[in-house]
Amino acid sequence: MEYLIEIIETLSKQIKVEADSAEEAICQVKKQYRDSKIILTADDFVDYKIDTIKDPDFVKINCK
């Protein structure tokens, strides 16, 4: 039997910016991210998830 397995990694970084509103702050950070001025690396790793694609609840295996 063949299974398609998906691996999802979550990276996270907190950025402080000066802005007149939360919307402006988000736009600033989005632009910096798109322009590669903010780069997330392995140091920003916070979590991962591994599941089957078709039905994540189908196979529950506790690997050592």
PDB file of N, CA and C in Angstrom:
ATOM      1  N   MET A   1       0.843  -1.173   0.000  1.00  0.00           N
ATOM      2  CA  MET A   1       0.000   0.000   0.000  1.00  0.00           C
ATOM      3  C   MET A   1       0.894   1.245   0.000  1.00  0.00           C
ATOM      4  N   GLU A   2       0.481   2.251  -0.706  1.00  0.00           N
ATOM      5  CA  GLU A   2       1.254   3.488  -0.800  1.00  0.00           C
ATOM      6  C   GLU A   2       0.499   4.614  -0.095  1.00  0.00           C
ATOM      7  N   TYR A   3       1.249   5.434   0.640  1.00  0.00           N
ATOM      8  CA  TYR A   3       0.658   6.557   1.359  1.00  0.00           C
ATOM      9  C   TYR A   3       1.344   7.842   0.953  1.00  0.00           C
ATOM     10  N   LEU A   4       0.582   8.901   0.868  1.00  0.00           N
ATOM     11  CA  LEU A   4       1.135  10.225   0.629  1.00  0.00           C
ATOM     12  C   LEU A   4       1.172  10.926   1.983  1.00  0.00           C
ATOM     13  N   ILE A   5       2.375  11.271   2.426  1.00  0.00           N
ATOM     14  CA  ILE A   5       2.572  11.871   3.745  1.00  0.00           C
ATOM     15  C   ILE A   5       2.983  13.330   3.571  1.00  0.00           C
ATOM     16  N   GLU A   6       2.394  14.190   4.368  1.00  0.00           N
ATOM     17  CA  GLU A   6       2.698  15.621   4.319  1.00  0.00           C
ATOM     18  C   GLU A   6       3.444  16.020   5.589  1.00  0.00           C
ATOM     19  N   ILE A   7       4.513  16.788   5.409  1.00  0.00           N
ATOM     20  CA  ILE A   7       5.272  17.336   6.536  1.00  0.00           C
ATOM     21  C   ILE A   7       5.092  18.854   6.503  1.00  0.00           C
ATOM     22  N   ILE A   8       4.622  19.414   7.595  1.00  0.00           N
ATOM     23  CA  ILE A   8       4.434  20.862   7.696  1.00  0.00           C
ATOM     24  C   ILE A   8       5.314  21.367   8.836  1.00  0.00           C
ATOM     25  N   GLU A   9       6.180  22.319   8.527  1.00  0.00           N
ATOM     26  CA  GLU A   9       7.004  22.954   9.556  1.00  0.00           C
ATOM     27  C   GLU A   9       6.482  24.372   9.788  1.00  0.00           C
ATOM     28  N   THR A  10       6.510  24.787  11.036  1.00  0.00           N
ATOM     29  CA  THR A  10       6.087  26.134  11.384  1.00  0.00           C
ATOM     30  C   THR A  10       7.296  26.918  11.887  1.00  0.00           C
ATOM     31  N   LEU A  11       7.530  28.069  11.259  1.00  0.00           N
ATOM     32  CA  LEU A  11       8.568  28.999  11.690  1.00  0.00           C
ATOM     33  C   LEU A  11       7.868  30.260  12.183  1.00  0.00           C
ATOM     34  N   SER A  12       8.435  30.911  13.183  1.00  0.00           N
ATOM     35  CA  SER A  12       7.800  32.092  13.745  1.00  0.00           C
ATOM     36  C   SER A  12       8.855  33.085  14.221  1.00  0.00           C
ATOM     37  N   LYS A  13       8.585  34.364  13.975  1.00  0.00           N
ATOM     38  CA  LYS A  13       9.483  35.427  14.431  1.00  0.00           C
ATOM     39  C   LYS A  13       8.621  36.635  14.787  1.00  0.00           C
ATOM     40  N   GLN A  14       8.966  37.317  15.862  1.00  0.00           N
ATOM     41  CA  GLN A  14       8.257  38.527  16.248  1.00  0.00           C
ATOM     42  C   GLN A  14       9.086  39.735  15.831  1.00  0.00           C
ATOM     43  N   ILE A  15       8.436  40.706  15.188  1.00  0.00           N
ATOM     44  CA  ILE A  15       9.102  41.897  14.654  1.00  0.00           C
ATOM     45  C   ILE A  15       8.453  43.132  15.273  1.00  0.00           C
ATOM     46  N   LYS A  16       9.260  44.039  15.821  1.00  0.00           N
ATOM     47  CA  LYS A  16       8.737  45.308  16.324  1.00  0.00           C
ATOM     48  C   LYS A  16       8.889  46.371  15.247  1.00  0.00           C
ATOM     49  N   VAL A  17       7.813  47.131  14.997  1.00  0.00           N
ATOM     50  CA  VAL A  17       7.863  48.226  14.031  1.00  0.00           C
ATOM     51  C   VAL A  17       7.117  49.426  14.592  1.00  0.00           C
ATOM     52  N   GLU A  18       7.526  50.596  14.166  1.00  0.00           N
ATOM     53  CA  GLU A  18       6.815  51.825  14.500  1.00  0.00           C
ATOM     54  C   GLU A  18       5.837  52.115  13.362  1.00  0.00           C
ATOM     55  N   ALA A  19       4.565  52.361  13.721  1.00  0.00           N
ATOM     56  CA  ALA A  19       3.551  52.655  12.715  1.00  0.00           C
ATOM     57  C   ALA A  19       2.406  53.412  13.372  1.00  0.00           C
ATOM     58  N   ASP A  20       1.585  54.044  12.527  1.00  0.00           N
ATOM     59  CA  ASP A  20       0.433  54.795  13.026  1.00  0.00           C
ATOM     60  C   ASP A  20      -0.764  53.890  13.322  1.00  0.00           C
ATOM     61  N   SER A  21      -0.759  52.678  12.791  1.00  0.00           N
ATOM     62  CA  SER A  21      -1.871  51.750  13.030  1.00  0.00           C
ATOM     63  C   SER A  21      -1.366  50.313  12.900  1.00  0.00           C
ATOM     64  N   ALA A  22      -2.159  49.378  13.404  1.00  0.00           N
ATOM     65  CA  ALA A  22      -1.807  47.961  13.283  1.00  0.00           C
ATOM     66  C   ALA A  22      -1.762  47.554  11.805  1.00  0.00           C
ATOM     67  N   GLU A  23      -2.704  48.085  11.013  1.00  0.00           N
ATOM     68  CA  GLU A  23      -2.737  47.767   9.577  1.00  0.00           C
ATOM     69  C   GLU A  23      -1.452  48.223   8.882  1.00  0.00           C
ATOM     70  N   GLU A  24      -1.007  49.427   9.203  1.00  0.00           N
ATOM     71  CA  GLU A  24       0.235  49.944   8.620  1.00  0.00           C
ATOM     72  C   GLU A  24       1.433  49.093   9.059  1.00  0.00           C
ATOM     73  N   ALA A  25       1.436  48.689  10.308  1.00  0.00           N
ATOM     74  CA  ALA A  25       2.528  47.844  10.812  1.00  0.00           C
ATOM     75  C   ALA A  25       2.573  46.522  10.051  1.00  0.00           C
ATOM     76  N   ILE A  26       1.411  45.907   9.844  1.00  0.00           N
ATOM     77  CA  ILE A  26       1.356  44.652   9.091  1.00  0.00           C
ATOM     78  C   ILE A  26       1.849  44.860   7.665  1.00  0.00           C
ATOM     79  N   CYS A  27       1.434  45.938   7.031  1.00  0.00           N
ATOM     80  CA  CYS A  27       1.866  46.227   5.656  1.00  0.00           C
ATOM     81  C   CYS A  27       3.387  46.420   5.590  1.00  0.00           C
ATOM     82  N   GLN A  28       3.949  47.090   6.567  1.00  0.00           N
ATOM     83  CA  GLN A  28       5.404  47.291   6.609  1.00  0.00           C
ATOM     84  C   GLN A  28       6.133  45.954   6.682  1.00  0.00           C
ATOM     85  N   VAL A  29       5.659  45.090   7.583  1.00  0.00           N
ATOM     86  CA  VAL A  29       6.314  43.801   7.771  1.00  0.00           C
ATOM     87  C   VAL A  29       6.121  42.913   6.541  1.00  0.00           C
ATOM     88  N   LYS A  30       4.932  42.935   5.940  1.00  0.00           N
ATOM     89  CA  LYS A  30       4.704  42.156   4.711  1.00  0.00           C
ATOM     90  C   LYS A  30       5.666  42.590   3.613  1.00  0.00           C
ATOM     91  N   LYS A  31       5.864  43.895   3.464  1.00  0.00           N
ATOM     92  CA  LYS A  31       6.779  44.401   2.437  1.00  0.00           C
ATOM     93  C   LYS A  31       8.214  43.966   2.731  1.00  0.00           C
ATOM     94  N   GLN A  32       8.630  44.097   3.993  1.00  0.00           N
ATOM     95  CA  GLN A  32       9.980  43.673   4.371  1.00  0.00           C
ATOM     96  C   GLN A  32      10.170  42.178   4.103  1.00  0.00           C
ATOM     97  N   TYR A  33       9.154  41.381   4.383  1.00  0.00           N
ATOM     98  CA  TYR A  33       9.224  39.937   4.160  1.00  0.00           C
ATOM     99  C   TYR A  33       9.323  39.634   2.659  1.00  0.00           C
ATOM    100  N   ARG A  34       8.456  40.267   1.862  1.00  0.00           N
ATOM    101  CA  ARG A  34       8.486  40.071   0.399  1.00  0.00           C
ATOM    102  C   ARG A  34       9.823  40.499  -0.193  1.00  0.00           C
ATOM    103  N   ASP A  35      10.414  41.557   0.359  1.00  0.00           N
ATOM    104  CA  ASP A  35      11.696  42.072  -0.132  1.00  0.00           C
ATOM    105  C   ASP A  35      12.897  41.328   0.468  1.00  0.00           C
ATOM    106  N   SER A  36      12.634  40.251   1.182  1.00  0.00           N
ATOM    107  CA  SER A  36      13.663  39.410   1.818  1.00  0.00           C
ATOM    108  C   SER A  36      14.506  40.162   2.846  1.00  0.00           C
ATOM    109  N   LYS A  37      13.920  41.179   3.461  1.00  0.00           N
ATOM    110  CA  LYS A  37      14.609  41.876   4.547  1.00  0.00           C
ATOM    111  C   LYS A  37      14.343  41.167   5.879  1.00  0.00           C
ATOM    112  N   ILE A  38      13.290  40.357   5.901  1.00  0.00           N
ATOM    113  CA  ILE A  38      13.004  39.483   7.035  1.00  0.00           C
ATOM    114  C   ILE A  38      13.072  38.066   6.496  1.00  0.00           C
ATOM    115  N   ILE A  39      13.969  37.270   7.057  1.00  0.00           N
ATOM    116  CA  ILE A  39      14.138  35.886   6.612  1.00  0.00           C
ATOM    117  C   ILE A  39      14.048  34.978   7.828  1.00  0.00           C
ATOM    118  N   LEU A  40      13.140  34.026   7.758  1.00  0.00           N
ATOM    119  CA  LEU A  40      13.020  33.048   8.830  1.00  0.00           C
ATOM    120  C   LEU A  40      13.957  31.881   8.538  1.00  0.00           C
ATOM    121  N   THR A  41      14.627  31.413   9.591  1.00  0.00           N
ATOM    122  CA  THR A  41      15.612  30.339   9.453  1.00  0.00           C
ATOM    123  C   THR A  41      15.270  29.195  10.407  1.00  0.00           C
ATOM    124  N   ALA A  42      16.108  28.191  10.427  1.00  0.00           N
ATOM    125  CA  ALA A  42      15.919  27.053  11.330  1.00  0.00           C
ATOM    126  C   ALA A  42      15.875  27.512  12.796  1.00  0.00           C
ATOM    127  N   ASP A  43      16.500  28.625  13.111  1.00  0.00           N
ATOM    128  CA  ASP A  43      16.460  29.158  14.481  1.00  0.00           C
ATOM    129  C   ASP A  43      15.055  29.607  14.874  1.00  0.00           C
ATOM    130  N   ASP A  44      14.190  29.841  13.886  1.00  0.00           N
ATOM    131  CA  ASP A  44      12.824  30.295  14.131  1.00  0.00           C
ATOM    132  C   ASP A  44      11.815  29.147  14.164  1.00  0.00           C
ATOM    133  N   PHE A  45      12.317  27.914  14.111  1.00  0.00           N
ATOM    134  CA  PHE A  45      11.466  26.733  14.119  1.00  0.00           C
ATOM    135  C   PHE A  45      10.708  26.622  15.437  1.00  0.00           C
ATOM    136  N   VAL A  46       9.375  26.371  15.358  1.00  0.00           N
ATOM    137  CA  VAL A  46       8.589  26.223  16.578  1.00  0.00           C
ATOM    138  C   VAL A  46       7.805  24.908  16.637  1.00  0.00           C
ATOM    139  N   ASP A  47       7.497  24.304  15.490  1.00  0.00           N
ATOM    140  CA  ASP A  47       6.676  23.099  15.526  1.00  0.00           C
ATOM    141  C   ASP A  47       6.701  22.382  14.183  1.00  0.00           C
ATOM    142  N   TYR A  48       6.232  21.144  14.191  1.00  0.00           N
ATOM    143  CA  TYR A  48       6.042  20.404  12.945  1.00  0.00           C
ATOM    144  C   TYR A  48       4.873  19.449  13.100  1.00  0.00           C
ATOM    145  N   LYS A  49       4.338  19.034  11.966  1.00  0.00           N
ATOM    146  CA  LYS A  49       3.211  18.107  11.942  1.00  0.00           C
ATOM    147  C   LYS A  49       3.428  17.157  10.775  1.00  0.00           C
ATOM    148  N   ILE A  50       3.209  15.879  11.001  1.00  0.00           N
ATOM    149  CA  ILE A  50       3.325  14.881   9.937  1.00  0.00           C
ATOM    150  C   ILE A  50       2.023  14.089   9.917  1.00  0.00           C
ATOM    151  N   ASP A  51       1.363  14.070   8.760  1.00  0.00           N
ATOM    152  CA  ASP A  51       0.091  13.369   8.612  1.00  0.00           C
ATOM    153  C   ASP A  51      -0.042  12.794   7.217  1.00  0.00           C
ATOM    154  N   THR A  52      -0.987  11.884   7.085  1.00  0.00           N
ATOM    155  CA  THR A  52      -1.347  11.415   5.755  1.00  0.00           C
ATOM    156  C   THR A  52      -2.163  12.511   5.091  1.00  0.00           C
ATOM    157  N   ILE A  53      -2.071  12.629   3.786  1.00  0.00           N
ATOM    158  CA  ILE A  53      -2.794  13.668   3.052  1.00  0.00           C
ATOM    159  C   ILE A  53      -4.291  13.369   2.973  1.00  0.00           C
ATOM    160  N   LYS A  54      -4.641  12.147   2.614  1.00  0.00           N
ATOM    161  CA  LYS A  54      -6.039  11.820   2.359  1.00  0.00           C
ATOM    162  C   LYS A  54      -6.898  11.947   3.611  1.00  0.00           C
ATOM    163  N   ASP A  55      -6.449  11.388   4.716  1.00  0.00           N
ATOM    164  CA  ASP A  55      -7.233  11.388   5.946  1.00  0.00           C
ATOM    165  C   ASP A  55      -6.279  11.383   7.141  1.00  0.00           C
ATOM    166  N   PRO A  56      -6.003  12.549   7.714  1.00  0.00           N
ATOM    167  CA  PRO A  56      -5.042  12.634   8.818  1.00  0.00           C
ATOM    168  C   PRO A  56      -5.377  11.725  10.000  1.00  0.00           C
ATOM    169  N   ASP A  57      -6.648  11.367  10.174  1.00  0.00           N
ATOM    170  CA  ASP A  57      -7.044  10.526  11.301  1.00  0.00           C
ATOM    171  C   ASP A  57      -6.965   9.030  10.959  1.00  0.00           C
ATOM    172  N   PHE A  58      -6.703   8.712   9.720  1.00  0.00           N
ATOM    173  CA  PHE A  58      -6.684   7.310   9.275  1.00  0.00           C
ATOM    174  C   PHE A  58      -5.555   6.528   9.932  1.00  0.00           C
ATOM    175  N   VAL A  59      -4.367   7.097   9.950  1.00  0.00           N
ATOM    176  CA  VAL A  59      -3.212   6.393  10.499  1.00  0.00           C
ATOM    177  C   VAL A  59      -2.669   7.199  11.672  1.00  0.00           C
ATOM    178  N   LYS A  60      -2.766   6.633  12.854  1.00  0.00           N
ATOM    179  CA  LYS A  60      -2.187   7.260  14.044  1.00  0.00           C
ATOM    180  C   LYS A  60      -1.071   6.352  14.530  1.00  0.00           C
ATOM    181  N   ILE A  61       0.164   6.771  14.286  1.00  0.00           N
ATOM    182  CA  ILE A  61       1.328   5.969  14.643  1.00  0.00           C
ATOM    183  C   ILE A  61       2.218   6.782  15.560  1.00  0.00           C
ATOM    184  N   ASN A  62       2.599   6.209  16.688  1.00  0.00           N
ATOM    185  CA  ASN A  62       3.552   6.858  17.583  1.00  0.00           C
ATOM    186  C   ASN A  62       4.929   6.298  17.265  1.00  0.00           C
ATOM    187  N   CYS A  63       5.750   7.090  16.566  1.00  0.00           N
ATOM    188  CA  CYS A  63       7.100   6.662  16.199  1.00  0.00           C
ATOM    189  C   CYS A  63       8.057   7.004  17.328  1.00  0.00           C
ATOM    190  N   LYS A  64       9.064   6.157  17.498  1.00  0.00           N
ATOM    191  CA  LYS A  64      10.077   6.420  18.517  1.00  0.00           C
ATOM    192  C   LYS A  64      11.157   7.316  17.985  1.00  0.00           C
TER     193      LYS A  64
END
